């Protein structure tokens, strides 16, 4: 038994917009290729002002939140 051939659907995102998005992402990666994370050595996050990758940056933010929650318990 054969499946019916499905008609080609028009893409949801126009090709021009998709190409612009790909170029924007690649441009972000090319801006600071030599800058590495000071903690783990991975590539830094594109919008990060500090020299941290996205994982280390998230861990730092999570640690701050934990500290803020623990302070009221100690008082």
N, C-alpha and C. Protein backbone atom coordinates (compact mmCIF):
# COMPACT_ATOMS: atom_id res chain seq x y z
N UNK A 1 0.84 -1.17 0.00
CA UNK A 1 0.00 0.00 0.00
C UNK A 1 0.89 1.24 0.00
N UNK A 2 0.58 2.21 -0.81
CA UNK A 2 1.37 3.42 -0.94
C UNK A 2 0.69 4.59 -0.24
N UNK A 3 1.52 5.45 0.27
CA UNK A 3 0.98 6.68 0.83
C UNK A 3 0.67 7.67 -0.27
N UNK A 4 -0.27 8.51 -0.01
CA UNK A 4 -0.59 9.55 -0.98
C UNK A 4 0.52 10.60 -0.98
N UNK A 5 0.84 11.10 -2.12
CA UNK A 5 1.84 12.16 -2.23
C UNK A 5 1.23 13.44 -1.66
N UNK A 6 1.93 14.02 -0.73
CA UNK A 6 1.42 15.25 -0.13
C UNK A 6 1.83 16.45 -0.97
N UNK A 7 0.91 17.35 -1.12
CA UNK A 7 1.20 18.56 -1.87
C UNK A 7 2.20 19.41 -1.08
N UNK A 8 3.10 20.07 -1.79
CA UNK A 8 4.07 20.92 -1.11
C UNK A 8 3.34 22.13 -0.54
N UNK A 9 3.60 22.35 0.74
CA UNK A 9 3.00 23.52 1.40
C UNK A 9 3.94 24.70 1.27
N UNK A 10 3.35 25.88 1.24
CA UNK A 10 4.16 27.09 1.24
C UNK A 10 4.84 27.19 2.61
N UNK A 11 6.08 27.65 2.65
CA UNK A 11 6.76 27.77 3.94
C UNK A 11 6.05 28.80 4.82
N UNK A 12 6.08 28.55 6.11
CA UNK A 12 5.42 29.45 7.06
C UNK A 12 6.18 30.76 7.15
N UNK A 13 7.50 30.67 7.16
CA UNK A 13 8.35 31.85 7.24
C UNK A 13 8.91 32.12 5.84
N UNK A 14 8.78 33.35 5.36
CA UNK A 14 9.32 33.66 4.03
C UNK A 14 10.83 33.42 3.99
N UNK A 15 11.32 33.01 2.85
CA UNK A 15 12.74 32.67 2.69
C UNK A 15 13.64 33.87 2.99
N UNK A 16 13.22 35.07 2.60
CA UNK A 16 14.02 36.27 2.84
C UNK A 16 14.19 36.52 4.34
N UNK A 17 13.12 36.39 5.09
CA UNK A 17 13.17 36.61 6.53
C UNK A 17 14.03 35.55 7.21
N UNK A 18 13.92 34.32 6.75
CA UNK A 18 14.72 33.24 7.31
C UNK A 18 16.20 33.48 7.05
N UNK A 19 16.55 33.96 5.87
CA UNK A 19 17.94 34.24 5.54
C UNK A 19 18.48 35.39 6.38
N UNK A 20 17.66 36.42 6.60
CA UNK A 20 18.08 37.55 7.44
C UNK A 20 18.34 37.09 8.87
N UNK A 21 17.50 36.22 9.38
CA UNK A 21 17.68 35.71 10.73
C UNK A 21 18.96 34.89 10.84
N UNK A 22 19.24 34.07 9.84
CA UNK A 22 20.47 33.28 9.85
C UNK A 22 21.70 34.18 9.82
N UNK A 23 21.65 35.24 9.03
CA UNK A 23 22.78 36.15 8.94
C UNK A 23 22.97 36.90 10.26
N UNK A 24 21.88 37.27 10.93
CA UNK A 24 21.98 37.98 12.21
C UNK A 24 22.62 37.09 13.27
N UNK A 25 22.25 35.84 13.28
CA UNK A 25 22.81 34.91 14.26
C UNK A 25 24.29 34.68 13.96
N UNK A 26 24.63 34.49 12.71
CA UNK A 26 26.03 34.26 12.37
C UNK A 26 26.86 35.51 12.64
N UNK A 27 26.30 36.69 12.47
CA UNK A 27 27.02 37.93 12.75
C UNK A 27 27.30 38.05 14.25
N UNK A 28 26.35 37.64 15.09
CA UNK A 28 26.56 37.67 16.54
C UNK A 28 27.68 36.74 16.95
N UNK A 29 27.77 35.61 16.31
CA UNK A 29 28.82 34.65 16.64
C UNK A 29 30.19 35.13 16.19
N UNK A 30 30.23 35.91 15.12
CA UNK A 30 31.51 36.35 14.58
C UNK A 30 32.05 37.60 15.27
N UNK A 31 31.25 38.30 16.06
CA UNK A 31 31.70 39.54 16.67
C UNK A 31 32.89 39.33 17.60
N UNK A 32 32.80 38.39 18.53
CA UNK A 32 33.85 38.16 19.50
C UNK A 32 34.26 36.68 19.53
N UNK A 33 34.84 36.19 18.45
CA UNK A 33 35.19 34.77 18.46
C UNK A 33 36.33 34.44 19.42
N UNK A 34 37.17 35.43 19.75
CA UNK A 34 38.31 35.16 20.62
C UNK A 34 37.93 35.23 22.09
N UNK A 35 36.77 35.80 22.42
CA UNK A 35 36.37 35.94 23.82
C UNK A 35 35.79 34.62 24.30
N UNK A 36 36.37 34.09 25.34
CA UNK A 36 35.93 32.83 25.92
C UNK A 36 35.39 33.08 27.32
N UNK A 37 34.56 32.18 27.80
CA UNK A 37 34.01 32.26 29.14
C UNK A 37 35.15 32.15 30.15
N UNK A 38 35.13 33.01 31.17
CA UNK A 38 36.19 32.99 32.17
C UNK A 38 36.08 31.80 33.10
N UNK A 39 34.91 31.16 33.14
CA UNK A 39 34.71 30.02 34.04
C UNK A 39 35.03 28.70 33.35
N UNK A 40 34.40 28.46 32.19
CA UNK A 40 34.53 27.14 31.55
C UNK A 40 35.27 27.15 30.23
N UNK A 41 35.50 28.32 29.63
CA UNK A 41 36.24 28.40 28.39
C UNK A 41 35.39 28.27 27.13
N UNK A 42 34.07 28.19 27.26
CA UNK A 42 33.19 28.10 26.09
C UNK A 42 33.03 29.48 25.46
N UNK A 43 32.39 29.56 24.29
CA UNK A 43 32.13 30.85 23.65
C UNK A 43 31.19 31.67 24.52
N UNK A 44 31.39 32.97 24.55
CA UNK A 44 30.56 33.83 25.40
C UNK A 44 29.18 34.02 24.79
N UNK A 45 28.23 34.39 25.62
CA UNK A 45 26.87 34.69 25.17
C UNK A 45 26.91 35.98 24.36
N UNK A 46 26.13 36.08 23.27
CA UNK A 46 26.20 37.25 22.40
C UNK A 46 25.83 38.56 23.10
N UNK A 47 24.83 38.56 23.95
CA UNK A 47 24.36 39.80 24.57
C UNK A 47 24.95 40.01 25.96
N UNK A 48 25.90 39.18 26.34
CA UNK A 48 26.45 39.25 27.69
C UNK A 48 27.56 40.30 27.74
N UNK A 49 27.44 41.24 28.67
CA UNK A 49 28.47 42.24 28.86
C UNK A 49 29.67 41.68 29.60
N UNK A 50 29.44 40.65 30.40
CA UNK A 50 30.52 40.00 31.11
C UNK A 50 31.04 38.84 30.28
N UNK A 51 32.20 38.35 30.60
CA UNK A 51 32.82 37.27 29.81
C UNK A 51 32.36 35.91 30.31
N UNK A 52 31.04 35.63 30.17
CA UNK A 52 30.47 34.36 30.59
C UNK A 52 29.67 33.75 29.45
N UNK A 53 29.70 32.42 29.36
CA UNK A 53 28.85 31.74 28.40
C UNK A 53 27.42 31.73 28.94
N UNK A 54 26.47 31.29 28.14
CA UNK A 54 25.08 31.35 28.59
C UNK A 54 24.82 30.42 29.77
N UNK A 55 25.53 29.29 29.85
CA UNK A 55 25.31 28.36 30.95
C UNK A 55 25.82 28.95 32.26
N UNK A 56 27.04 29.46 32.25
CA UNK A 56 27.61 30.04 33.47
C UNK A 56 26.84 31.29 33.89
N UNK A 57 26.35 32.04 32.92
CA UNK A 57 25.55 33.23 33.24
C UNK A 57 24.25 32.84 33.94
N UNK A 58 23.60 31.77 33.45
CA UNK A 58 22.37 31.28 34.09
C UNK A 58 22.65 30.79 35.50
N UNK A 59 23.77 30.08 35.68
CA UNK A 59 24.13 29.59 37.00
C UNK A 59 24.38 30.74 37.96
N UNK A 60 25.01 31.80 37.48
CA UNK A 60 25.27 32.97 38.30
C UNK A 60 23.95 33.63 38.73
N UNK A 61 23.03 33.78 37.79
CA UNK A 61 21.73 34.39 38.11
C UNK A 61 20.97 33.51 39.10
N UNK A 62 21.01 32.20 38.92
CA UNK A 62 20.33 31.28 39.84
C UNK A 62 20.93 31.37 41.23
N UNK A 63 22.24 31.49 41.32
CA UNK A 63 22.90 31.61 42.61
C UNK A 63 22.48 32.89 43.31
N UNK A 64 22.38 33.99 42.57
CA UNK A 64 21.92 35.24 43.16
C UNK A 64 20.51 35.09 43.72
N UNK A 65 19.64 34.43 42.98
CA UNK A 65 18.26 34.24 43.44
C UNK A 65 18.22 33.40 44.72
N UNK A 66 19.05 32.37 44.79
CA UNK A 66 19.09 31.54 45.99
C UNK A 66 19.56 32.34 47.19
N UNK A 67 20.57 33.18 47.00
CA UNK A 67 21.09 34.00 48.10
C UNK A 67 20.02 34.97 48.57
N UNK A 68 19.31 35.59 47.63
CA UNK A 68 18.26 36.54 48.00
C UNK A 68 17.14 35.87 48.79
N UNK A 69 16.85 34.62 48.49
CA UNK A 69 15.81 33.89 49.21
C UNK A 69 16.27 33.46 50.59
N UNK A 70 17.57 33.22 50.77
CA UNK A 70 18.09 32.73 52.04
C UNK A 70 18.27 33.86 53.05
N UNK A 71 18.52 35.07 52.61
CA UNK A 71 18.75 36.20 53.53
C UNK A 71 17.57 36.43 54.46
N UNK A 72 16.32 36.49 53.99
CA UNK A 72 15.22 36.72 54.94
C UNK A 72 15.08 35.58 55.97
N UNK A 73 15.49 34.38 55.65
CA UNK A 73 15.39 33.29 56.60
C UNK A 73 16.38 33.44 57.74
N UNK A 74 17.51 34.06 57.50
CA UNK A 74 18.54 34.20 58.52
C UNK A 74 18.24 35.34 59.48
N UNK A 75 17.44 36.31 59.10
CA UNK A 75 17.17 37.48 59.95
C UNK A 75 16.25 37.17 61.10
